[in-house]
Amino acid sequence: MEELMEILRELHPEVDYEQCTTLVDDKILDSFDIVSIIAEIADQFDVTISAEHIIPQNFNSAQALYALIQRLEDE
């Protein structure tokens, strides 16, 4: 989880990722941020986030994103 937090903090260090659950809904993360996050996750965690997984509920919080990474690692 800490690796993911580092990725997120590099994009927006002012955001409280531990508490925020509306990263996409409140437009904290935009499409460019999401593309950057996907690329960093691919490098860091060796998983591929396919188009079907690029939905707001998977990117609205660090916890949801980490859960997605864990599911993809298990596949």
N, C-alpha and C. Protein backbone atom coordinates (compact mmCIF):
# COMPACT_ATOMS: atom_id res chain seq x y z
N MET A 1 0.83 -1.20 0.00
CA MET A 1 0.00 0.00 0.00
C MET A 1 0.87 1.26 0.00
N GLU A 2 2.01 1.19 0.69
CA GLU A 2 2.87 2.37 0.76
C GLU A 2 3.41 2.76 -0.61
N GLU A 3 3.70 1.77 -1.45
CA GLU A 3 4.17 2.08 -2.82
C GLU A 3 3.11 2.85 -3.59
N LEU A 4 1.86 2.43 -3.44
CA LEU A 4 0.75 3.12 -4.10
C LEU A 4 0.62 4.54 -3.57
N MET A 5 0.73 4.71 -2.27
CA MET A 5 0.62 6.04 -1.68
C MET A 5 1.71 6.97 -2.21
N GLU A 6 2.89 6.45 -2.41
CA GLU A 6 3.97 7.25 -2.97
C GLU A 6 3.63 7.71 -4.38
N ILE A 7 3.06 6.81 -5.18
CA ILE A 7 2.66 7.16 -6.54
C ILE A 7 1.63 8.29 -6.50
N LEU A 8 0.64 8.15 -5.64
CA LEU A 8 -0.43 9.15 -5.54
C LEU A 8 0.10 10.48 -5.02
N ARG A 9 0.95 10.43 -4.01
CA ARG A 9 1.49 11.67 -3.43
C ARG A 9 2.36 12.44 -4.41
N GLU A 10 3.01 11.74 -5.33
CA GLU A 10 3.81 12.43 -6.34
C GLU A 10 2.91 13.28 -7.24
N LEU A 11 1.70 12.81 -7.49
CA LEU A 11 0.77 13.55 -8.34
C LEU A 11 0.15 14.75 -7.62
N HIS A 12 -0.35 14.49 -6.42
CA HIS A 12 -1.05 15.54 -5.65
C HIS A 12 -0.68 15.40 -4.17
N PRO A 13 0.44 15.98 -3.78
CA PRO A 13 0.89 15.83 -2.38
C PRO A 13 -0.05 16.46 -1.35
N GLU A 14 -0.92 17.36 -1.78
CA GLU A 14 -1.82 18.05 -0.85
C GLU A 14 -3.05 17.23 -0.45
N VAL A 15 -3.28 16.10 -1.10
CA VAL A 15 -4.48 15.30 -0.86
C VAL A 15 -4.26 14.31 0.28
N ASP A 16 -5.27 14.16 1.14
CA ASP A 16 -5.24 13.17 2.21
C ASP A 16 -5.81 11.86 1.67
N TYR A 17 -4.94 11.04 1.10
CA TYR A 17 -5.37 9.81 0.45
C TYR A 17 -5.90 8.77 1.42
N GLU A 18 -5.52 8.88 2.69
CA GLU A 18 -6.04 7.94 3.68
C GLU A 18 -7.54 8.15 3.93
N GLN A 19 -8.00 9.39 3.79
CA GLN A 19 -9.39 9.71 4.10
C GLN A 19 -10.29 9.93 2.88
N CYS A 20 -9.72 10.40 1.79
CA CYS A 20 -10.52 10.81 0.63
C CYS A 20 -11.10 9.59 -0.11
N THR A 21 -12.40 9.64 -0.36
CA THR A 21 -13.08 8.57 -1.10
C THR A 21 -13.79 9.11 -2.34
N THR A 22 -13.43 10.31 -2.75
CA THR A 22 -14.07 10.94 -3.91
C THR A 22 -13.04 11.54 -4.86
N LEU A 23 -11.96 10.83 -5.07
CA LEU A 23 -10.88 11.36 -5.90
C LEU A 23 -11.32 11.67 -7.32
N VAL A 24 -12.13 10.81 -7.90
CA VAL A 24 -12.64 11.03 -9.26
C VAL A 24 -13.89 11.90 -9.21
N ASP A 25 -14.80 11.58 -8.31
CA ASP A 25 -16.07 12.31 -8.23
C ASP A 25 -15.86 13.80 -8.00
N ASP A 26 -14.86 14.15 -7.19
CA ASP A 26 -14.58 15.56 -6.90
C ASP A 26 -13.52 16.15 -7.83
N LYS A 27 -13.19 15.39 -8.88
CA LYS A 27 -12.24 15.85 -9.90
C LYS A 27 -10.85 16.18 -9.35
N ILE A 28 -10.46 15.48 -8.29
CA ILE A 28 -9.10 15.62 -7.77
C ILE A 28 -8.13 14.94 -8.74
N LEU A 29 -8.55 13.77 -9.22
CA LEU A 29 -7.79 13.08 -10.26
C LEU A 29 -8.48 13.31 -11.60
N ASP A 30 -7.71 13.74 -12.59
CA ASP A 30 -8.27 13.89 -13.93
C ASP A 30 -7.78 12.73 -14.81
N SER A 31 -8.17 12.74 -16.06
CA SER A 31 -7.83 11.62 -16.94
C SER A 31 -6.32 11.47 -17.11
N PHE A 32 -5.59 12.57 -17.17
CA PHE A 32 -4.13 12.48 -17.28
C PHE A 32 -3.54 11.83 -16.04
N ASP A 33 -4.05 12.19 -14.86
CA ASP A 33 -3.59 11.57 -13.61
C ASP A 33 -3.82 10.07 -13.63
N ILE A 34 -4.99 9.67 -14.10
CA ILE A 34 -5.34 8.25 -14.11
C ILE A 34 -4.42 7.48 -15.05
N VAL A 35 -4.14 8.06 -16.22
CA VAL A 35 -3.20 7.41 -17.15
C VAL A 35 -1.83 7.28 -16.49
N SER A 36 -1.38 8.32 -15.81
CA SER A 36 -0.09 8.28 -15.12
C SER A 36 -0.08 7.21 -14.02
N ILE A 37 -1.17 7.14 -13.26
CA ILE A 37 -1.28 6.14 -12.19
C ILE A 37 -1.23 4.73 -12.77
N ILE A 38 -1.95 4.51 -13.85
CA ILE A 38 -1.98 3.18 -14.48
C ILE A 38 -0.58 2.78 -14.93
N ALA A 39 0.15 3.71 -15.53
CA ALA A 39 1.52 3.42 -15.99
C ALA A 39 2.44 3.11 -14.81
N GLU A 40 2.33 3.90 -13.74
CA GLU A 40 3.17 3.67 -12.57
C GLU A 40 2.84 2.34 -11.89
N ILE A 41 1.56 2.00 -11.83
CA ILE A 41 1.14 0.72 -11.23
C ILE A 41 1.69 -0.43 -12.06
N ALA A 42 1.64 -0.30 -13.37
CA ALA A 42 2.18 -1.35 -14.24
C ALA A 42 3.66 -1.58 -13.95
N ASP A 43 4.41 -0.48 -13.79
CA ASP A 43 5.84 -0.60 -13.51
C ASP A 43 6.11 -1.14 -12.11
N GLN A 44 5.40 -0.61 -11.13
CA GLN A 44 5.67 -0.92 -9.72
C GLN A 44 5.15 -2.29 -9.30
N PHE A 45 3.94 -2.64 -9.77
CA PHE A 45 3.27 -3.85 -9.29
C PHE A 45 3.22 -4.97 -10.33
N ASP A 46 3.66 -4.68 -11.56
CA ASP A 46 3.66 -5.66 -12.64
C ASP A 46 2.25 -6.22 -12.91
N VAL A 47 1.27 -5.32 -12.92
CA VAL A 47 -0.10 -5.70 -13.30
C VAL A 47 -0.56 -4.75 -14.40
N THR A 48 -1.52 -5.22 -15.19
CA THR A 48 -2.09 -4.41 -16.25
C THR A 48 -3.53 -4.09 -15.90
N ILE A 49 -3.85 -2.81 -15.87
CA ILE A 49 -5.23 -2.39 -15.62
C ILE A 49 -5.89 -2.20 -16.98
N SER A 50 -6.79 -3.11 -17.32
CA SER A 50 -7.46 -3.05 -18.62
C SER A 50 -8.58 -2.02 -18.60
N ALA A 51 -9.07 -1.70 -19.77
CA ALA A 51 -10.11 -0.67 -19.92
C ALA A 51 -11.34 -0.97 -19.07
N GLU A 52 -11.70 -2.23 -18.92
CA GLU A 52 -12.89 -2.58 -18.15
C GLU A 52 -12.77 -2.21 -16.67
N HIS A 53 -11.53 -2.06 -16.20
CA HIS A 53 -11.30 -1.70 -14.80
C HIS A 53 -11.17 -0.19 -14.57
N ILE A 54 -11.15 0.57 -15.66
CA ILE A 54 -10.98 2.02 -15.53
C ILE A 54 -12.35 2.66 -15.34
N ILE A 55 -12.84 2.53 -14.13
CA ILE A 55 -14.14 3.08 -13.75
C ILE A 55 -13.96 3.88 -12.46
N PRO A 56 -14.78 4.89 -12.24
CA PRO A 56 -14.61 5.74 -11.06
C PRO A 56 -14.51 4.99 -9.74
N GLN A 57 -15.30 3.96 -9.54
CA GLN A 57 -15.29 3.27 -8.25
C GLN A 57 -13.93 2.65 -7.94
N ASN A 58 -13.14 2.32 -8.96
CA ASN A 58 -11.80 1.76 -8.72
C ASN A 58 -10.75 2.83 -8.45
N PHE A 59 -11.06 4.10 -8.74
CA PHE A 59 -10.08 5.18 -8.60
C PHE A 59 -10.53 6.27 -7.62
N ASN A 60 -11.66 6.09 -6.96
CA ASN A 60 -12.17 7.11 -6.04
C ASN A 60 -11.41 7.17 -4.72
N SER A 61 -10.69 6.12 -4.39
CA SER A 61 -9.91 6.14 -3.14
C SER A 61 -8.67 5.28 -3.31
N ALA A 62 -7.69 5.56 -2.49
CA ALA A 62 -6.47 4.76 -2.50
C ALA A 62 -6.79 3.31 -2.12
N GLN A 63 -7.72 3.14 -1.20
CA GLN A 63 -8.09 1.80 -0.76
C GLN A 63 -8.73 1.00 -1.91
N ALA A 64 -9.60 1.64 -2.68
CA ALA A 64 -10.24 0.96 -3.81
C ALA A 64 -9.21 0.61 -4.88
N LEU A 65 -8.30 1.51 -5.10
CA LEU A 65 -7.26 1.27 -6.09
C LEU A 65 -6.34 0.13 -5.65
N TYR A 66 -6.00 0.11 -4.38
CA TYR A 66 -5.15 -0.96 -3.87
C TYR A 66 -5.88 -2.31 -3.93
N ALA A 67 -7.17 -2.31 -3.66
CA ALA A 67 -7.96 -3.54 -3.76
C ALA A 67 -7.96 -4.05 -5.20
N LEU A 68 -8.06 -3.14 -6.16
CA LEU A 68 -7.99 -3.52 -7.58
C LEU A 68 -6.63 -4.14 -7.89
N ILE A 69 -5.57 -3.52 -7.42
CA ILE A 69 -4.22 -4.07 -7.66
C ILE A 69 -4.11 -5.48 -7.10
N GLN A 70 -4.61 -5.68 -5.89
CA GLN A 70 -4.56 -7.00 -5.27
C GLN A 70 -5.35 -8.04 -6.07
N ARG A 71 -6.54 -7.64 -6.56
CA ARG A 71 -7.33 -8.57 -7.38
C ARG A 71 -6.57 -8.93 -8.65
N LEU A 72 -5.95 -7.95 -9.28
CA LEU A 72 -5.21 -8.20 -10.52
C LEU A 72 -3.97 -9.06 -10.27
N GLU A 73 -3.33 -8.88 -9.13
CA GLU A 73 -2.16 -9.69 -8.79
C GLU A 73 -2.56 -11.16 -8.59
N ASP A 74 -3.78 -11.38 -8.10
CA ASP A 74 -4.26 -12.73 -7.84
C ASP A 74 -4.69 -13.47 -9.10
N GLU A 75 -4.93 -12.71 -10.17
CA GLU A 75 -5.40 -13.35 -11.42
C GLU A 75 -4.28 -14.05 -12.14
